[in-house]
Amino acid sequence: MSDFADFRTKARAAFPDLNVSVMLYDKETATVSGLIYYRLKAAGMKIGAAGLTAEATSPAEAITSMIRLVAQARRATRAAAEAAMHARS
């Protein structure tokens, strides 16, 4: 299985309830040429209206970073929903 296919499979398994876009691209910077980056974009109502993006030089780092971002977004979304419910009562 290719690196990209493996990355896509693991990323989608990690976030089954979100819309996940998986990308792989070659990035040139001032110091490094030809560095491969793995990028994840996630969106869904369970993490609020804003989409999230994580990128790293390894698939595992990208997935770990996205897990952190999703957890933070879910906590914020839940807190906002609870605050709205308390404001109505």
Protein backbone atom coordinates (compact mmCIF):
# COMPACT_ATOMS: atom_id res chain seq x y z
CA MET A 1 0.00 0.00 0.00
CA SER A 2 1.35 3.44 -0.83
CA ASP A 3 2.15 6.01 1.84
CA PHE A 4 -0.71 8.20 0.66
CA ALA A 5 -3.28 5.41 0.66
CA ASP A 6 -2.18 4.32 4.13
CA PHE A 7 -2.35 7.93 5.38
CA ARG A 8 -5.85 8.38 3.89
CA THR A 9 -7.11 5.15 5.45
CA LYS A 10 -5.74 5.98 8.91
CA ALA A 11 -7.00 9.57 8.80
CA ARG A 12 -10.52 8.59 7.79
CA ALA A 13 -10.59 5.86 10.45
CA ALA A 14 -9.51 8.36 13.11
CA PHE A 15 -12.38 10.74 12.26
CA PRO A 16 -15.32 8.65 11.05
CA ASP A 17 -17.92 11.31 11.95
CA LEU A 18 -16.22 14.20 10.11
CA ASN A 19 -15.65 15.12 6.48
CA VAL A 20 -11.90 14.64 6.07
CA SER A 21 -9.79 15.78 3.11
CA VAL A 22 -6.36 14.21 2.85
CA MET A 23 -3.56 15.80 0.83
CA LEU A 24 0.09 15.19 0.15
CA TYR A 25 2.23 17.90 -1.38
CA ASP A 26 5.80 18.91 -2.09
CA LYS A 27 6.75 22.17 -0.39
CA GLU A 28 9.75 24.32 -1.09
CA THR A 29 10.95 26.72 1.58
CA ALA A 30 13.90 29.05 1.81
CA THR A 31 15.94 26.39 3.59
CA VAL A 32 14.59 23.07 2.29
CA SER A 33 13.61 21.94 -1.19
CA GLY A 34 11.34 18.99 -1.93
CA LEU A 35 9.98 18.46 1.58
CA ILE A 36 6.82 16.29 1.55
CA TYR A 37 3.96 17.55 3.70
CA TYR A 38 0.86 15.67 4.79
CA ARG A 39 -2.23 17.86 5.22
CA LEU A 40 -5.59 17.05 6.78
CA LYS A 41 -8.68 19.22 6.61
CA ALA A 42 -11.72 18.34 8.69
CA ALA A 43 -15.20 19.80 8.80
CA GLY A 44 -18.47 18.82 10.42
CA MET A 45 -21.19 20.05 12.71
CA LYS A 46 -19.65 18.27 15.70
CA ILE A 47 -16.68 20.64 15.59
CA GLY A 48 -18.57 23.85 14.82
CA ALA A 49 -18.86 25.80 11.62
CA ALA A 50 -15.15 26.40 11.04
CA GLY A 51 -13.03 23.80 9.31
CA LEU A 52 -9.74 22.66 10.80
CA THR A 53 -6.39 22.15 9.07
CA ALA A 54 -3.33 20.27 10.27
CA GLU A 55 -0.13 19.67 8.35
CA ALA A 56 3.13 17.95 9.19
CA THR A 57 6.09 16.20 7.63
CA SER A 58 4.84 12.77 8.68
CA PRO A 59 1.41 11.13 8.52
CA ALA A 60 1.43 10.29 12.23
CA GLU A 61 2.22 13.89 13.20
CA ALA A 62 -0.59 15.22 11.00
CA ILE A 63 -3.14 12.82 12.49
CA THR A 64 -1.97 13.52 16.06
CA SER A 65 -2.19 17.26 15.45
CA MET A 66 -5.68 16.92 14.00
CA ILE A 67 -6.79 14.82 16.99
CA ARG A 68 -5.74 17.70 19.27
CA LEU A 69 -7.49 20.30 17.11
CA VAL A 70 -10.71 18.26 16.92
CA ALA A 71 -10.73 17.71 20.70
CA GLN A 72 -10.34 21.45 21.34
CA ALA A 73 -13.05 22.31 18.82
CA ARG A 74 -15.47 19.74 20.28
CA ARG A 75 -14.90 21.07 23.80
CA ALA A 76 -15.52 24.64 22.62
CA THR A 77 -18.64 23.63 20.68
CA ARG A 78 -20.01 21.71 23.66
CA ALA A 79 -19.28 24.61 26.05
CA ALA A 80 -21.02 27.06 23.71
CA ALA A 81 -24.07 24.79 23.44
CA GLU A 82 -24.26 24.42 27.23
CA ALA A 83 -23.93 28.19 27.71
CA ALA A 84 -26.71 28.79 25.19
CA MET A 85 -28.94 26.27 26.94
CA HIS A 86 -28.33 27.90 30.34
CA ALA A 87 -29.03 31.33 28.88
CA ARG A 88 -32.42 30.16 27.62
CA SER A 89 -33.47 28.75 30.99
